Amino acid sequence: MPVSELEQQLEDRDYRVQRLRIETLRRVGYGVRTAILLAAHGDLDFALAEKLRTLGCPEETALRILL
């Protein structure tokens, strides 16, 4: 497989992973900008992110806790 094909496959995979992370965060109540910002952090605790929003934690406070 040519290197360019492999690179494209990796980029496509990374894009899909990021999109899934953003969609997951949006589903639990984060706004678009916050979801994008949080999704960029590979070590994000998604369970905590969801729990914070479920318990009614304001988005700005959740962002400070998670980052």
PDB file of N, CA and C in Angstrom:
ATOM      1  N   MET A   1       0.848  -1.177   0.000  1.00  0.00           N
ATOM      2  CA  MET A   1       0.000   0.000   0.000  1.00  0.00           C
ATOM      3  C   MET A   1       0.893   1.241   0.000  1.00  0.00           C
ATOM      4  N   PRO A   2       0.654   2.157  -0.914  1.00  0.00           N
ATOM      5  CA  PRO A   2       1.450   3.392  -0.954  1.00  0.00           C
ATOM      6  C   PRO A   2       1.275   4.205   0.328  1.00  0.00           C
ATOM      7  N   VAL A   3       2.312   4.928   0.676  1.00  0.00           N
ATOM      8  CA  VAL A   3       2.300   5.733   1.900  1.00  0.00           C
ATOM      9  C   VAL A   3       1.158   6.735   1.881  1.00  0.00           C
ATOM     10  N   SER A   4       0.898   7.361   0.745  1.00  0.00           N
ATOM     11  CA  SER A   4      -0.161   8.371   0.672  1.00  0.00           C
ATOM     12  C   SER A   4      -1.531   7.759   0.965  1.00  0.00           C
ATOM     13  N   GLU A   5      -1.754   6.526   0.548  1.00  0.00           N
ATOM     14  CA  GLU A   5      -3.020   5.850   0.831  1.00  0.00           C
ATOM     15  C   GLU A   5      -3.162   5.575   2.323  1.00  0.00           C
ATOM     16  N   LEU A   6      -2.083   5.116   2.916  1.00  0.00           N
ATOM     17  CA  LEU A   6      -2.078   4.833   4.349  1.00  0.00           C
ATOM     18  C   LEU A   6      -2.306   6.113   5.147  1.00  0.00           C
ATOM     19  N   GLU A   7      -1.639   7.185   4.748  1.00  0.00           N
ATOM     20  CA  GLU A   7      -1.828   8.469   5.420  1.00  0.00           C
ATOM     21  C   GLU A   7      -3.277   8.927   5.326  1.00  0.00           C
ATOM     22  N   GLN A   8      -3.888   8.752   4.162  1.00  0.00           N
ATOM     23  CA  GLN A   8      -5.278   9.151   3.968  1.00  0.00           C
ATOM     24  C   GLN A   8      -6.197   8.322   4.853  1.00  0.00           C
ATOM     25  N   GLN A   9      -5.936   7.038   4.959  1.00  0.00           N
ATOM     26  CA  GLN A   9      -6.754   6.175   5.815  1.00  0.00           C
ATOM     27  C   GLN A   9      -6.645   6.599   7.269  1.00  0.00           C
ATOM     28  N   LEU A  10      -5.446   6.942   7.706  1.00  0.00           N
ATOM     29  CA  LEU A  10      -5.249   7.395   9.087  1.00  0.00           C
ATOM     30  C   LEU A  10      -5.950   8.726   9.335  1.00  0.00           C
ATOM     31  N   GLU A  11      -5.867   9.630   8.376  1.00  0.00           N
ATOM     32  CA  GLU A  11      -6.549  10.915   8.508  1.00  0.00           C
ATOM     33  C   GLU A  11      -8.063  10.717   8.575  1.00  0.00           C
ATOM     34  N   ASP A  12      -8.583   9.836   7.722  1.00  0.00           N
ATOM     35  CA  ASP A  12     -10.017   9.551   7.735  1.00  0.00           C
ATOM     36  C   ASP A  12     -10.438   8.964   9.076  1.00  0.00           C
ATOM     37  N   ARG A  13      -9.631   8.058   9.610  1.00  0.00           N
ATOM     38  CA  ARG A  13      -9.928   7.443  10.904  1.00  0.00           C
ATOM     39  C   ARG A  13      -9.908   8.502  12.007  1.00  0.00           C
ATOM     40  N   ASP A  14      -8.891   9.343  12.014  1.00  0.00           N
ATOM     41  CA  ASP A  14      -8.789  10.398  13.023  1.00  0.00           C
ATOM     42  C   ASP A  14      -9.983  11.340  12.944  1.00  0.00           C
ATOM     43  N   TYR A  15     -10.390  11.672  11.731  1.00  0.00           N
ATOM     44  CA  TYR A  15     -11.548  12.542  11.539  1.00  0.00           C
ATOM     45  C   TYR A  15     -12.808  11.897  12.116  1.00  0.00           C
ATOM     46  N   ARG A  16     -13.005  10.616  11.824  1.00  0.00           N
ATOM     47  CA  ARG A  16     -14.196   9.911  12.321  1.00  0.00           C
ATOM     48  C   ARG A  16     -14.195   9.824  13.842  1.00  0.00           C
ATOM     49  N   VAL A  17     -13.032   9.597  14.427  1.00  0.00           N
ATOM     50  CA  VAL A  17     -12.925   9.527  15.892  1.00  0.00           C
ATOM     51  C   VAL A  17     -13.270  10.877  16.504  1.00  0.00           C
ATOM     52  N   GLN A  18     -12.712  11.947  15.954  1.00  0.00           N
ATOM     53  CA  GLN A  18     -13.008  13.286  16.470  1.00  0.00           C
ATOM     54  C   GLN A  18     -14.499  13.604  16.344  1.00  0.00           C
ATOM     55  N   ARG A  19     -15.068  13.263  15.216  1.00  0.00           N
ATOM     56  CA  ARG A  19     -16.488  13.523  14.994  1.00  0.00           C
ATOM     57  C   ARG A  19     -17.350  12.763  16.000  1.00  0.00           C
ATOM     58  N   LEU A  20     -16.999  11.522  16.270  1.00  0.00           N
ATOM     59  CA  LEU A  20     -17.733  10.723  17.248  1.00  0.00           C
ATOM     60  C   LEU A  20     -17.613  11.323  18.640  1.00  0.00           C
ATOM     61  N   ARG A  21     -16.423  11.781  18.993  1.00  0.00           N
ATOM     62  CA  ARG A  21     -16.217  12.399  20.304  1.00  0.00           C
ATOM     63  C   ARG A  21     -17.078  13.660  20.445  1.00  0.00           C
ATOM     64  N   ILE A  22     -17.097  14.474  19.400  1.00  0.00           N
ATOM     65  CA  ILE A  22     -17.894  15.703  19.424  1.00  0.00           C
ATOM     66  C   ILE A  22     -19.380  15.371  19.530  1.00  0.00           C
ATOM     67  N   GLU A  23     -19.840  14.426  18.738  1.00  0.00           N
ATOM     68  CA  GLU A  23     -21.259  14.033  18.780  1.00  0.00           C
ATOM     69  C   GLU A  23     -21.656  13.504  20.154  1.00  0.00           C
ATOM     70  N   THR A  24     -20.766  12.736  20.770  1.00  0.00           N
ATOM     71  CA  THR A  24     -21.038  12.200  22.106  1.00  0.00           C
ATOM     72  C   THR A  24     -21.181  13.329  23.118  1.00  0.00           C
ATOM     73  N   LEU A  25     -20.297  14.292  23.057  1.00  0.00           N
ATOM     74  CA  LEU A  25     -20.357  15.427  23.977  1.00  0.00           C
ATOM     75  C   LEU A  25     -21.592  16.295  23.727  1.00  0.00           C
ATOM     76  N   ARG A  26     -21.948  16.464  22.478  1.00  0.00           N
ATOM     77  CA  ARG A  26     -23.151  17.242  22.140  1.00  0.00           C
ATOM     78  C   ARG A  26     -24.398  16.545  22.676  1.00  0.00           C
ATOM     79  N   ARG A  27     -24.416  15.233  22.573  1.00  0.00           N
ATOM     80  CA  ARG A  27     -25.571  14.454  23.013  1.00  0.00           C
ATOM     81  C   ARG A  27     -25.827  14.615  24.519  1.00  0.00           C
ATOM     82  N   VAL A  28     -24.767  14.796  25.308  1.00  0.00           N
ATOM     83  CA  VAL A  28     -24.961  14.942  26.754  1.00  0.00           C
ATOM     84  C   VAL A  28     -25.142  16.399  27.179  1.00  0.00           C
ATOM     85  N   GLY A  29     -25.163  17.308  26.200  1.00  0.00           N
ATOM     86  CA  GLY A  29     -25.537  18.675  26.525  1.00  0.00           C
ATOM     87  C   GLY A  29     -24.498  19.765  26.375  1.00  0.00           C
ATOM     88  N   TYR A  30     -23.351  19.455  25.814  1.00  0.00           N
ATOM     89  CA  TYR A  30     -22.345  20.503  25.620  1.00  0.00           C
ATOM     90  C   TYR A  30     -22.623  21.237  24.315  1.00  0.00           C
ATOM     91  N   GLY A  31     -22.309  22.520  24.293  1.00  0.00           N
ATOM     92  CA  GLY A  31     -22.445  23.316  23.088  1.00  0.00           C
ATOM     93  C   GLY A  31     -21.377  22.918  22.074  1.00  0.00           C
ATOM     94  N   VAL A  32     -21.541  23.394  20.865  1.00  0.00           N
ATOM     95  CA  VAL A  32     -20.628  23.019  19.779  1.00  0.00           C
ATOM     96  C   VAL A  32     -19.184  23.389  20.097  1.00  0.00           C
ATOM     97  N   ARG A  33     -18.956  24.615  20.490  1.00  0.00           N
ATOM     98  CA  ARG A  33     -17.576  25.069  20.745  1.00  0.00           C
ATOM     99  C   ARG A  33     -16.930  24.293  21.884  1.00  0.00           C
ATOM    100  N   THR A  34     -17.674  24.099  22.958  1.00  0.00           N
ATOM    101  CA  THR A  34     -17.136  23.359  24.099  1.00  0.00           C
ATOM    102  C   THR A  34     -16.875  21.911  23.720  1.00  0.00           C
ATOM    103  N   ALA A  35     -17.785  21.307  22.972  1.00  0.00           N
ATOM    104  CA  ALA A  35     -17.609  19.918  22.549  1.00  0.00           C
ATOM    105  C   ALA A  35     -16.354  19.772  21.692  1.00  0.00           C
ATOM    106  N   ILE A  36     -16.122  20.712  20.796  1.00  0.00           N
ATOM    107  CA  ILE A  36     -14.923  20.667  19.944  1.00  0.00           C
ATOM    108  C   ILE A  36     -13.667  20.816  20.792  1.00  0.00           C
ATOM    109  N   LEU A  37     -13.701  21.739  21.721  1.00  0.00           N
ATOM    110  CA  LEU A  37     -12.550  21.967  22.595  1.00  0.00           C
ATOM    111  C   LEU A  37     -12.255  20.731  23.444  1.00  0.00           C
ATOM    112  N   LEU A  38     -13.287  20.159  24.042  1.00  0.00           N
ATOM    113  CA  LEU A  38     -13.093  18.975  24.879  1.00  0.00           C
ATOM    114  C   LEU A  38     -12.656  17.768  24.056  1.00  0.00           C
ATOM    115  N   ALA A  39     -13.235  17.602  22.877  1.00  0.00           N
ATOM    116  CA  ALA A  39     -12.912  16.453  22.036  1.00  0.00           C
ATOM    117  C   ALA A  39     -11.452  16.451  21.604  1.00  0.00           C
ATOM    118  N   ALA A  40     -10.845  17.619  21.558  1.00  0.00           N
ATOM    119  CA  ALA A  40      -9.446  17.723  21.147  1.00  0.00           C
ATOM    120  C   ALA A  40      -8.490  17.147  22.185  1.00  0.00           C
ATOM    121  N   HIS A  41      -8.976  16.965  23.408  1.00  0.00           N
ATOM    122  CA  HIS A  41      -8.133  16.420  24.481  1.00  0.00           C
ATOM    123  C   HIS A  41      -8.273  14.906  24.516  1.00  0.00           C
ATOM    124  N   GLY A  42      -7.221  14.214  24.122  1.00  0.00           N
ATOM    125  CA  GLY A  42      -7.237  12.762  24.027  1.00  0.00           C
ATOM    126  C   GLY A  42      -7.434  12.050  25.349  1.00  0.00           C
ATOM    127  N   ASP A  43      -7.107  12.724  26.442  1.00  0.00           N
ATOM    128  CA  ASP A  43      -7.221  12.077  27.749  1.00  0.00           C
ATOM    129  C   ASP A  43      -8.496  12.489  28.498  1.00  0.00           C
ATOM    130  N   LEU A  44      -9.486  12.991  27.775  1.00  0.00           N
ATOM    131  CA  LEU A  44     -10.737  13.436  28.383  1.00  0.00           C
ATOM    132  C   LEU A  44     -11.470  12.263  29.029  1.00  0.00           C
ATOM    133  N   ASP A  45     -11.947  12.472  30.241  1.00  0.00           N
ATOM    134  CA  ASP A  45     -12.753  11.484  30.952  1.00  0.00           C
ATOM    135  C   ASP A  45     -14.209  11.682  30.532  1.00  0.00           C
ATOM    136  N   PHE A  46     -14.648  10.903  29.550  1.00  0.00           N
ATOM    137  CA  PHE A  46     -15.997  11.059  29.012  1.00  0.00           C
ATOM    138  C   PHE A  46     -17.066  10.746  30.055  1.00  0.00           C
ATOM    139  N   ALA A  47     -16.793   9.788  30.919  1.00  0.00           N
ATOM    140  CA  ALA A  47     -17.764   9.439  31.962  1.00  0.00           C
ATOM    141  C   ALA A  47     -17.968  10.632  32.895  1.00  0.00           C
ATOM    142  N   LEU A  48     -16.902  11.290  33.267  1.00  0.00           N
ATOM    143  CA  LEU A  48     -17.008  12.468  34.128  1.00  0.00           C
ATOM    144  C   LEU A  48     -17.690  13.609  33.390  1.00  0.00           C
ATOM    145  N   ALA A  49     -17.354  13.795  32.135  1.00  0.00           N
ATOM    146  CA  ALA A  49     -17.978  14.858  31.331  1.00  0.00           C
ATOM    147  C   ALA A  49     -19.488  14.664  31.280  1.00  0.00           C
ATOM    148  N   GLU A  50     -19.914  13.433  31.067  1.00  0.00           N
ATOM    149  CA  GLU A  50     -21.346  13.140  31.017  1.00  0.00           C
ATOM    150  C   GLU A  50     -21.996  13.327  32.386  1.00  0.00           C
ATOM    151  N   LYS A  51     -21.341  12.853  33.423  1.00  0.00           N
ATOM    152  CA  LYS A  51     -21.891  12.952  34.775  1.00  0.00           C
ATOM    153  C   LYS A  51     -22.068  14.412  35.195  1.00  0.00           C
ATOM    154  N   LEU A  52     -21.093  15.239  34.883  1.00  0.00           N
ATOM    155  CA  LEU A  52     -21.179  16.654  35.245  1.00  0.00           C
ATOM    156  C   LEU A  52     -22.414  17.304  34.634  1.00  0.00           C
ATOM    157  N   ARG A  53     -22.652  17.032  33.346  1.00  0.00           N
ATOM    158  CA  ARG A  53     -23.813  17.642  32.676  1.00  0.00           C
ATOM    159  C   ARG A  53     -25.121  17.036  33.180  1.00  0.00           C
ATOM    160  N   THR A  54     -25.120  15.740  33.438  1.00  0.00           N
ATOM    161  CA  THR A  54     -26.313  15.061  33.937  1.00  0.00           C
ATOM    162  C   THR A  54     -26.721  15.616  35.298  1.00  0.00           C
ATOM    163  N   LEU A  55     -25.740  15.962  36.101  1.00  0.00           N
ATOM    164  CA  LEU A  55     -26.012  16.514  37.432  1.00  0.00           C
ATOM    165  C   LEU A  55     -26.335  18.010  37.398  1.00  0.00           C
ATOM    166  N   GLY A  56     -26.323  18.588  36.195  1.00  0.00           N
ATOM    167  CA  GLY A  56     -26.690  19.992  36.053  1.00  0.00           C
ATOM    168  C   GLY A  56     -25.550  20.976  36.195  1.00  0.00           C
ATOM    169  N   CYS A  57     -24.336  20.495  36.123  1.00  0.00           N
ATOM    170  CA  CYS A  57     -23.170  21.376  36.218  1.00  0.00           C
ATOM    171  C   CYS A  57     -23.171  22.318  35.014  1.00  0.00           C
ATOM    172  N   PRO A  58     -23.024  23.623  35.261  1.00  0.00           N
ATOM    173  CA  PRO A  58     -22.957  24.563  34.137  1.00  0.00           C
ATOM    174  C   PRO A  58     -21.778  24.218  33.211  1.00  0.00           C
ATOM    175  N   GLU A  59     -21.973  24.453  31.946  1.00  0.00           N
ATOM    176  CA  GLU A  59     -20.970  24.101  30.939  1.00  0.00           C
ATOM    177  C   GLU A  59     -19.606  24.723  31.228  1.00  0.00           C
ATOM    178  N   GLU A  60     -19.581  25.985  31.607  1.00  0.00           N
ATOM    179  CA  GLU A  60     -18.305  26.661  31.879  1.00  0.00           C
ATOM    180  C   GLU A  60     -17.572  26.019  33.052  1.00  0.00           C
ATOM    181  N   THR A  61     -18.310  25.654  34.078  1.00  0.00           N
ATOM    182  CA  THR A  61     -17.709  25.005  35.244  1.00  0.00           C
ATOM    183  C   THR A  61     -17.196  23.624  34.860  1.00  0.00           C
ATOM    184  N   ALA A  62     -17.985  22.872  34.109  1.00  0.00           N
ATOM    185  CA  ALA A  62     -17.567  21.543  33.661  1.00  0.00           C
ATOM    186  C   ALA A  62     -16.282  21.645  32.845  1.00  0.00           C
ATOM    187  N   LEU A  63     -16.213  22.635  32.003  1.00  0.00           N
ATOM    188  CA  LEU A  63     -15.022  22.841  31.171  1.00  0.00           C
ATOM    189  C   LEU A  63     -13.801  23.069  32.042  1.00  0.00           C
ATOM    190  N   ARG A  64     -13.920  23.892  33.075  1.00  0.00           N
ATOM    191  CA  ARG A  64     -12.791  24.144  33.972  1.00  0.00           C
ATOM    192  C   ARG A  64     -12.384  22.873  34.728  1.00  0.00           C
ATOM    193  N   ILE A  65     -13.350  22.079  35.130  1.00  0.00           N
ATOM    194  CA  ILE A  65     -13.059  20.837  35.840  1.00  0.00           C
ATOM    195  C   ILE A  65     -12.355  19.832  34.924  1.00  0.00           C
ATOM    196  N   LEU A  66     -12.856  19.705  33.717  1.00  0.00           N
ATOM    197  CA  LEU A  66     -12.351  18.689  32.806  1.00  0.00           C
ATOM    198  C   LEU A  66     -10.996  19.017  32.196  1.00  0.00           C
ATOM    199  N   LEU A  67     -10.694  20.297  32.081  1.00  0.00           N
ATOM    200  CA  LEU A  67      -9.406  20.672  31.497  1.00  0.00           C
ATOM    201  C   LEU A  67      -8.446  21.078  32.591  1.00  0.00           C
TER     202      LEU A  67
END
